[in-house]
Amino acid sequence: MGVPGRFFEDFNVGDVLRHSKTKTVTQADNIEFCRLTDNNQPLHLDEAYAKKTPFGRVVVNGLLPISWGVGVSVEDTTAGTLVGNLGYEDVQNTAPTFPGDTLRCETTVLEKRPSSKPDRGIVTLRHSVRKQDGTEVATFKRIVMVQIRGSRK
């Protein structure tokens, strides 16, 4: 049975994957994300408070577009082939996301190398999350360990 994700051999440095799914973030999504992460920051939750900030309105929790970017990339990258996420680097919120913004994500393969174990390899991906007008709202590197084709038991 095939898997939707890529094996180590399927990643090519320089490849850019434009993920087809998009997400329009609602205030309900933002509230639920804050609830799940125990984040009670009024900038994300209290419209009256947020109106008095430089943004003039509620700002979506910055971890939501980052988390969504990882999630939406899985089908095209690591679904069924992931051994583990090894880390995240250079995580940046580059612009605010507001309720009503529609997000999209693209992933660039930055590097790959064999692991010390013969059945897997390590791939560094750069995810870029943008909103409907093209403004990048989050960027980060994700280092993943994936299976080498034929290594499944």
N, C-alpha and C. Protein backbone atom coordinates (compact mmCIF):
# COMPACT_ATOMS: atom_id res chain seq x y z
N MET A 1 0.84 -1.19 0.00
CA MET A 1 0.00 0.00 0.00
C MET A 1 0.88 1.25 0.00
N GLY A 2 0.59 2.19 -0.86
CA GLY A 2 1.38 3.40 -0.96
C GLY A 2 1.09 4.37 0.18
N VAL A 3 1.98 5.28 0.37
CA VAL A 3 1.80 6.33 1.37
C VAL A 3 1.83 7.67 0.64
N PRO A 4 1.11 8.67 1.16
CA PRO A 4 1.11 9.96 0.48
C PRO A 4 2.41 10.74 0.65
N GLY A 5 3.14 10.46 1.73
CA GLY A 5 4.37 11.20 2.01
C GLY A 5 5.53 10.74 1.15
N ARG A 6 6.65 11.40 1.36
CA ARG A 6 7.85 11.12 0.58
C ARG A 6 8.85 10.33 1.42
N PHE A 7 9.49 9.39 0.77
CA PHE A 7 10.63 8.71 1.37
C PHE A 7 11.85 9.60 1.18
N PHE A 8 12.92 9.30 1.90
CA PHE A 8 14.14 10.09 1.83
C PHE A 8 14.58 10.34 0.39
N GLU A 9 14.54 9.31 -0.42
CA GLU A 9 15.00 9.43 -1.81
C GLU A 9 14.14 10.39 -2.64
N ASP A 10 12.90 10.61 -2.21
CA ASP A 10 11.97 11.45 -2.98
C ASP A 10 12.16 12.94 -2.75
N PHE A 11 12.92 13.30 -1.74
CA PHE A 11 13.19 14.72 -1.47
C PHE A 11 14.39 15.15 -2.30
N ASN A 12 14.24 16.26 -3.00
CA ASN A 12 15.33 16.83 -3.78
C ASN A 12 15.58 18.26 -3.31
N VAL A 13 16.82 18.55 -2.95
CA VAL A 13 17.16 19.89 -2.49
C VAL A 13 16.77 20.90 -3.57
N GLY A 14 16.07 21.94 -3.12
CA GLY A 14 15.60 22.98 -4.04
C GLY A 14 14.15 22.82 -4.46
N ASP A 15 13.59 21.64 -4.27
CA ASP A 15 12.17 21.44 -4.60
C ASP A 15 11.31 22.41 -3.79
N VAL A 16 10.30 22.96 -4.43
CA VAL A 16 9.31 23.81 -3.75
C VAL A 16 7.96 23.13 -3.90
N LEU A 17 7.35 22.84 -2.77
CA LEU A 17 6.05 22.18 -2.74
C LEU A 17 5.00 23.21 -2.35
N ARG A 18 4.06 23.46 -3.23
CA ARG A 18 2.98 24.40 -2.94
C ARG A 18 1.76 23.58 -2.53
N HIS A 19 1.47 23.61 -1.26
CA HIS A 19 0.39 22.78 -0.71
C HIS A 19 -0.96 23.36 -1.15
N SER A 20 -1.83 22.49 -1.62
CA SER A 20 -3.08 22.95 -2.23
C SER A 20 -4.14 23.40 -1.22
N LYS A 21 -4.09 22.88 -0.02
CA LYS A 21 -5.10 23.25 0.97
C LYS A 21 -4.84 24.65 1.50
N THR A 22 -5.93 25.36 1.76
CA THR A 22 -5.87 26.67 2.39
C THR A 22 -6.74 26.64 3.64
N LYS A 23 -6.59 27.66 4.47
CA LYS A 23 -7.38 27.74 5.70
C LYS A 23 -7.75 29.19 5.97
N THR A 24 -9.04 29.47 6.00
CA THR A 24 -9.50 30.78 6.45
C THR A 24 -9.67 30.69 7.96
N VAL A 25 -8.87 31.47 8.67
CA VAL A 25 -8.85 31.42 10.13
C VAL A 25 -10.00 32.26 10.68
N THR A 26 -10.81 31.65 11.50
CA THR A 26 -11.92 32.35 12.15
C THR A 26 -11.52 32.73 13.58
N GLN A 27 -12.27 33.63 14.16
CA GLN A 27 -12.03 33.94 15.56
C GLN A 27 -12.33 32.72 16.43
N ALA A 28 -13.28 31.90 16.03
CA ALA A 28 -13.56 30.67 16.78
C ALA A 28 -12.34 29.74 16.75
N ASP A 29 -11.66 29.64 15.60
CA ASP A 29 -10.42 28.85 15.53
C ASP A 29 -9.38 29.41 16.49
N ASN A 30 -9.23 30.72 16.49
CA ASN A 30 -8.25 31.38 17.34
C ASN A 30 -8.55 31.14 18.82
N ILE A 31 -9.81 31.27 19.18
CA ILE A 31 -10.22 31.04 20.57
C ILE A 31 -9.95 29.59 20.97
N GLU A 32 -10.30 28.65 20.11
CA GLU A 32 -10.08 27.23 20.42
C GLU A 32 -8.59 26.92 20.54
N PHE A 33 -7.78 27.48 19.65
CA PHE A 33 -6.33 27.26 19.73
C PHE A 33 -5.79 27.82 21.04
N CYS A 34 -6.22 29.02 21.41
CA CYS A 34 -5.79 29.60 22.69
C CYS A 34 -6.25 28.74 23.86
N ARG A 35 -7.47 28.22 23.78
CA ARG A 35 -7.97 27.36 24.85
C ARG A 35 -7.13 26.09 24.96
N LEU A 36 -6.83 25.47 23.83
CA LEU A 36 -6.05 24.22 23.84
C LEU A 36 -4.64 24.43 24.37
N THR A 37 -4.10 25.62 24.19
CA THR A 37 -2.73 25.90 24.62
C THR A 37 -2.67 26.71 25.92
N ASP A 38 -3.83 26.89 26.57
CA ASP A 38 -3.91 27.65 27.82
C ASP A 38 -3.33 29.06 27.71
N ASN A 39 -3.56 29.69 26.57
CA ASN A 39 -3.05 31.03 26.32
C ASN A 39 -4.20 32.02 26.50
N ASN A 40 -4.13 32.84 27.53
CA ASN A 40 -5.22 33.79 27.79
C ASN A 40 -4.84 35.23 27.41
N GLN A 41 -3.92 35.39 26.47
CA GLN A 41 -3.48 36.72 26.03
C GLN A 41 -4.68 37.52 25.51
N PRO A 42 -4.98 38.67 26.12
CA PRO A 42 -6.15 39.44 25.67
C PRO A 42 -6.03 39.95 24.23
N LEU A 43 -4.83 40.11 23.72
CA LEU A 43 -4.67 40.53 22.32
C LEU A 43 -5.35 39.55 21.37
N HIS A 44 -5.41 38.28 21.77
CA HIS A 44 -6.02 37.24 20.94
C HIS A 44 -7.50 37.03 21.23
N LEU A 45 -7.95 37.44 22.41
CA LEU A 45 -9.27 37.02 22.88
C LEU A 45 -10.26 38.15 23.18
N ASP A 46 -9.77 39.33 23.45
CA ASP A 46 -10.62 40.40 23.94
C ASP A 46 -10.65 41.54 22.91
N GLU A 47 -11.76 41.66 22.20
CA GLU A 47 -11.86 42.67 21.14
C GLU A 47 -11.72 44.10 21.68
N ALA A 48 -12.29 44.37 22.83
CA ALA A 48 -12.19 45.72 23.40
C ALA A 48 -10.73 46.04 23.72
N TYR A 49 -10.02 45.11 24.30
CA TYR A 49 -8.60 45.30 24.60
C TYR A 49 -7.82 45.48 23.29
N ALA A 50 -8.05 44.59 22.33
CA ALA A 50 -7.29 44.60 21.08
C ALA A 50 -7.49 45.90 20.30
N LYS A 51 -8.65 46.52 20.42
CA LYS A 51 -8.91 47.79 19.71
C LYS A 51 -7.97 48.89 20.18
N LYS A 52 -7.46 48.77 21.40
CA LYS A 52 -6.57 49.80 21.97
C LYS A 52 -5.10 49.54 21.65
N THR A 53 -4.80 48.47 20.94
CA THR A 53 -3.42 48.14 20.58
C THR A 53 -3.07 48.76 19.23
N PRO A 54 -1.80 48.76 18.86
CA PRO A 54 -1.43 49.28 17.53
C PRO A 54 -2.11 48.56 16.37
N PHE A 55 -2.58 47.34 16.59
CA PHE A 55 -3.26 46.60 15.53
C PHE A 55 -4.71 47.02 15.37
N GLY A 56 -5.32 47.51 16.43
CA GLY A 56 -6.69 47.98 16.38
C GLY A 56 -7.73 46.88 16.31
N ARG A 57 -7.28 45.65 16.42
CA ARG A 57 -8.21 44.51 16.38
C ARG A 57 -7.49 43.26 16.89
N VAL A 58 -8.26 42.21 17.07
CA VAL A 58 -7.73 40.95 17.55
C VAL A 58 -6.69 40.41 16.58
N VAL A 59 -5.60 39.90 17.13
CA VAL A 59 -4.55 39.25 16.36
C VAL A 59 -4.60 37.76 16.68
N VAL A 60 -4.54 36.94 15.65
CA VAL A 60 -4.54 35.48 15.83
C VAL A 60 -3.26 35.07 16.55
N ASN A 61 -3.38 34.14 17.46
CA ASN A 61 -2.23 33.56 18.16
C ASN A 61 -1.17 33.17 17.12
N GLY A 62 0.04 33.67 17.26
CA GLY A 62 1.10 33.45 16.28
C GLY A 62 1.50 32.01 16.07
N LEU A 63 1.22 31.16 17.05
CA LEU A 63 1.56 29.74 16.89
C LEU A 63 0.56 29.01 16.02
N LEU A 64 -0.63 29.57 15.84
CA LEU A 64 -1.63 28.90 15.00
C LEU A 64 -1.17 28.78 13.54
N PRO A 65 -0.72 29.85 12.87
CA PRO A 65 -0.26 29.66 11.49
C PRO A 65 0.96 28.76 11.38
N ILE A 66 1.81 28.76 12.40
CA ILE A 66 2.97 27.86 12.39
C ILE A 66 2.51 26.42 12.49
N SER A 67 1.65 26.15 13.44
CA SER A 67 1.13 24.78 13.61
C SER A 67 0.36 24.33 12.38
N TRP A 68 -0.45 25.23 11.82
CA TRP A 68 -1.20 24.88 10.62
C TRP A 68 -0.25 24.59 9.46
N GLY A 69 0.81 25.39 9.34
CA GLY A 69 1.79 25.16 8.27
C GLY A 69 2.42 23.78 8.34
N VAL A 70 2.74 23.34 9.54
CA VAL A 70 3.27 21.98 9.70
C VAL A 70 2.21 20.98 9.28
N GLY A 71 1.02 21.13 9.82
CA GLY A 71 -0.05 20.17 9.55
C GLY A 71 -0.40 20.06 8.08
N VAL A 72 -0.55 21.18 7.41
CA VAL A 72 -0.97 21.15 6.01
C VAL A 72 0.13 20.59 5.10
N SER A 73 1.37 20.63 5.56
CA SER A 73 2.49 20.12 4.75
C SER A 73 2.66 18.61 4.85
N VAL A 74 2.11 18.00 5.88
CA VAL A 74 2.37 16.59 6.16
C VAL A 74 2.01 15.68 4.98
N GLU A 75 0.84 15.87 4.39
CA GLU A 75 0.42 14.96 3.32
C GLU A 75 1.42 14.95 2.17
N ASP A 76 1.98 16.09 1.84
CA ASP A 76 2.93 16.19 0.72
C ASP A 76 4.37 15.87 1.11
N THR A 77 4.64 15.73 2.40
CA THR A 77 6.03 15.53 2.83
C THR A 77 6.24 14.24 3.61
N THR A 78 5.64 14.11 4.77
CA THR A 78 6.04 13.04 5.69
C THR A 78 4.95 12.05 6.09
N ALA A 79 3.75 12.14 5.51
CA ALA A 79 2.66 11.25 5.90
C ALA A 79 3.04 9.80 5.59
N GLY A 80 3.14 9.00 6.61
CA GLY A 80 3.44 7.59 6.44
C GLY A 80 4.91 7.25 6.33
N THR A 81 5.77 8.25 6.26
CA THR A 81 7.21 8.02 6.15
C THR A 81 8.00 8.62 7.31
N LEU A 82 7.36 9.42 8.13
CA LEU A 82 8.04 10.10 9.23
C LEU A 82 8.51 9.12 10.29
N VAL A 83 9.76 9.24 10.69
CA VAL A 83 10.27 8.55 11.86
C VAL A 83 10.10 9.49 13.06
N GLY A 84 10.39 10.77 12.86
CA GLY A 84 10.19 11.75 13.92
C GLY A 84 10.57 13.15 13.47
N ASN A 85 9.94 14.14 14.09
CA ASN A 85 10.35 15.53 13.92
C ASN A 85 11.53 15.74 14.87
N LEU A 86 12.65 16.19 14.35
CA LEU A 86 13.84 16.37 15.17
C LEU A 86 13.95 17.77 15.76
N GLY A 87 13.32 18.74 15.11
CA GLY A 87 13.38 20.08 15.67
C GLY A 87 12.87 21.13 14.71
N TYR A 88 12.79 22.33 15.26
CA TYR A 88 12.36 23.51 14.51
C TYR A 88 13.41 24.58 14.74
N GLU A 89 13.74 25.32 13.69
CA GLU A 89 14.75 26.38 13.79
C GLU A 89 14.25 27.63 13.08
N ASP A 90 14.84 28.74 13.45
CA ASP A 90 14.57 30.02 12.79
C ASP A 90 13.07 30.28 12.66
N VAL A 91 12.35 30.07 13.75
CA VAL A 91 10.90 30.27 13.76
C VAL A 91 10.61 31.76 13.90
N GLN A 92 9.86 32.29 12.93
CA GLN A 92 9.56 33.72 12.95
C GLN A 92 8.11 33.97 12.56
N ASN A 93 7.48 34.87 13.32
CA ASN A 93 6.21 35.43 12.89
C ASN A 93 6.58 36.74 12.19
N THR A 94 6.40 36.78 10.89
CA THR A 94 6.87 37.91 10.10
C THR A 94 5.82 38.99 9.88
N ALA A 95 4.57 38.66 10.14
CA ALA A 95 3.47 39.64 10.04
C ALA A 95 2.29 39.05 10.81
N PRO A 96 1.37 39.91 11.27
CA PRO A 96 0.23 39.39 12.01
C PRO A 96 -0.78 38.68 11.11
N THR A 97 -1.47 37.74 11.71
CA THR A 97 -2.62 37.09 11.08
C THR A 97 -3.85 37.58 11.84
N PHE A 98 -4.89 37.91 11.09
CA PHE A 98 -6.13 38.38 11.70
C PHE A 98 -7.25 37.40 11.38
N PRO A 99 -8.27 37.33 12.24
CA PRO A 99 -9.43 36.52 11.89
C PRO A 99 -9.96 36.95 10.51
N GLY A 100 -10.25 35.97 9.68
CA GLY A 100 -10.71 36.23 8.32
C GLY A 100 -9.62 36.06 7.28
N ASP A 101 -8.36 36.06 7.69
CA ASP A 101 -7.27 35.83 6.75
C ASP A 101 -7.28 34.38 6.28
N THR A 102 -6.95 34.19 5.02
CA THR A 102 -6.85 32.84 4.44
C THR A 102 -5.38 32.50 4.26
N LEU A 103 -4.97 31.40 4.85
CA LEU A 103 -3.57 30.98 4.84
C LEU A 103 -3.31 29.94 3.77
N ARG A 104 -2.09 29.97 3.25
CA ARG A 104 -1.58 28.92 2.37
C ARG A 104 -0.13 28.70 2.76
N CYS A 105 0.43 27.58 2.34
CA CYS A 105 1.79 27.24 2.76
C CYS A 105 2.56 26.65 1.59
N GLU A 106 3.85 26.96 1.56
CA GLU A 106 4.74 26.28 0.63
C GLU A 106 5.96 25.82 1.41
N THR A 107 6.53 24.73 0.93
CA THR A 107 7.67 24.11 1.59
C THR A 107 8.81 24.00 0.59
N THR A 108 9.99 24.40 1.03
CA THR A 108 11.19 24.26 0.22
C THR A 108 12.11 23.25 0.90
N VAL A 109 12.64 22.32 0.11
CA VAL A 109 13.59 21.34 0.62
C VAL A 109 14.95 22.02 0.64
N LEU A 110 15.51 22.22 1.84
CA LEU A 110 16.78 22.93 1.98
C LEU A 110 17.99 22.01 1.93
N GLU A 111 17.90 20.88 2.60
CA GLU A 111 19.03 19.95 2.61
C GLU A 111 18.56 18.56 3.01
N LYS A 112 19.41 17.58 2.73
CA LYS A 112 19.13 16.21 3.16
C LYS A 112 20.46 15.50 3.34
N ARG A 113 20.44 14.57 4.28
CA ARG A 113 21.64 13.79 4.54
C ARG A 113 21.25 12.44 5.13
N PRO A 114 22.08 11.44 4.94
CA PRO A 114 21.78 10.15 5.55
C PRO A 114 21.86 10.26 7.07
N SER A 115 21.13 9.41 7.74
CA SER A 115 21.19 9.30 9.19
C SER A 115 22.31 8.32 9.55
N SER A 116 22.61 8.23 10.82
CA SER A 116 23.58 7.22 11.27
C SER A 116 22.97 5.82 11.20
N LYS A 117 21.65 5.77 11.04
CA LYS A 117 20.96 4.48 10.89
C LYS A 117 20.64 4.27 9.42
N PRO A 118 20.87 3.09 8.90
CA PRO A 118 20.77 2.88 7.45
C PRO A 118 19.35 2.91 6.88
N ASP A 119 18.33 2.88 7.72
CA ASP A 119 16.96 2.82 7.21
C ASP A 119 16.26 4.18 7.18
N ARG A 120 17.03 5.26 7.42
CA ARG A 120 16.40 6.58 7.48
C ARG A 120 17.36 7.69 7.09
N GLY A 121 16.78 8.84 6.77
CA GLY A 121 17.57 10.02 6.44
C GLY A 121 16.97 11.25 7.08
N ILE A 122 17.73 12.33 7.06
CA ILE A 122 17.33 13.59 7.69
C ILE A 122 17.16 14.65 6.61
N VAL A 123 16.02 15.32 6.65
CA VAL A 123 15.69 16.33 5.65
C VAL A 123 15.33 17.63 6.38
N THR A 124 15.87 18.74 5.89
CA THR A 124 15.52 20.05 6.44
C THR A 124 14.60 20.75 5.46
N LEU A 125 13.44 21.15 5.96
CA LEU A 125 12.41 21.81 5.17
C LEU A 125 12.23 23.24 5.67
N ARG A 126 11.95 24.15 4.77
CA ARG A 126 11.57 25.51 5.16
C ARG A 126 10.12 25.71 4.77
N HIS A 127 9.30 26.01 5.76
CA HIS A 127 7.88 26.27 5.52
C HIS A 127 7.66 27.78 5.54
N SER A 128 6.87 28.25 4.60
CA SER A 128 6.49 29.65 4.52
C SER A 128 4.97 29.71 4.46
N VAL A 129 4.39 30.36 5.45
CA VAL A 129 2.93 30.52 5.51
C VAL A 129 2.61 31.95 5.11
N ARG A 130 1.70 32.08 4.15
CA ARG A 130 1.31 33.41 3.64
C ARG A 130 -0.20 33.56 3.72
N LYS A 131 -0.62 34.83 3.78
CA LYS A 131 -2.06 35.07 3.73
C LYS A 131 -2.48 35.49 2.33
N GLN A 132 -3.74 35.73 2.16
CA GLN A 132 -4.36 35.90 0.84
C GLN A 132 -3.70 36.97 -0.02
N ASP A 133 -3.12 37.98 0.56
CA ASP A 133 -2.48 39.04 -0.24
C ASP A 133 -1.01 38.75 -0.53
N GLY A 134 -0.54 37.57 -0.12
CA GLY A 134 0.84 37.18 -0.36
C GLY A 134 1.80 37.51 0.77
N THR A 135 1.34 38.23 1.77
CA THR A 135 2.19 38.58 2.90
C THR A 135 2.57 37.34 3.68
N GLU A 136 3.86 37.15 3.89
CA GLU A 136 4.31 36.03 4.71
C GLU A 136 4.02 36.34 6.17
N VAL A 137 3.36 35.40 6.86
CA VAL A 137 3.04 35.60 8.28
C VAL A 137 3.90 34.75 9.19
N ALA A 138 4.47 33.67 8.65
CA ALA A 138 5.34 32.80 9.46
C ALA A 138 6.31 32.07 8.54
N THR A 139 7.51 31.87 9.05
CA THR A 139 8.50 31.08 8.34
C THR A 139 9.32 30.31 9.38
N PHE A 140 9.70 29.11 9.03
CA PHE A 140 10.48 28.29 9.96
C PHE A 140 11.05 27.10 9.23
N LYS A 141 12.11 26.55 9.82
CA LYS A 141 12.69 25.31 9.33
C LYS A 141 12.19 24.17 10.20
N ARG A 142 11.92 23.06 9.57
CA ARG A 142 11.53 21.83 10.30
C ARG A 142 12.49 20.74 9.86
N ILE A 143 13.13 20.11 10.82
CA ILE A 143 14.06 19.03 10.54
C ILE A 143 13.34 17.72 10.83
N VAL A 144 13.26 16.87 9.81
CA VAL A 144 12.52 15.61 9.94
C VAL A 144 13.43 14.43 9.64
N MET A 145 13.13 13.32 10.29
CA MET A 145 13.78 12.05 9.98
C MET A 145 12.73 11.20 9.29
N VAL A 146 13.05 10.75 8.08
CA VAL A 146 12.10 9.96 7.30
C VAL A 146 12.73 8.64 6.88
N GLN A 147 11.86 7.73 6.56
CA GLN A 147 12.28 6.39 6.15
C GLN A 147 12.90 6.40 4.76
N ILE A 148 13.82 5.47 4.56
CA ILE A 148 14.36 5.19 3.22
C ILE A 148 13.43 4.14 2.61
N ARG A 149 13.11 4.29 1.34
CA ARG A 149 12.22 3.36 0.66
C ARG A 149 12.70 1.92 0.84
N GLY A 150 11.76 1.03 1.12
CA GLY A 150 12.08 -0.38 1.29
C GLY A 150 12.54 -0.75 2.70
N SER A 151 12.58 0.24 3.58
CA SER A 151 13.08 -0.04 4.93
C SER A 151 11.99 -0.50 5.90
N ARG A 152 10.74 -0.45 5.46
CA ARG A 152 9.62 -0.87 6.32
C ARG A 152 9.66 -2.37 6.53
N LYS A 153 9.25 -2.74 7.68
CA LYS A 153 9.18 -4.17 7.99
C LYS A 153 7.75 -4.63 7.97
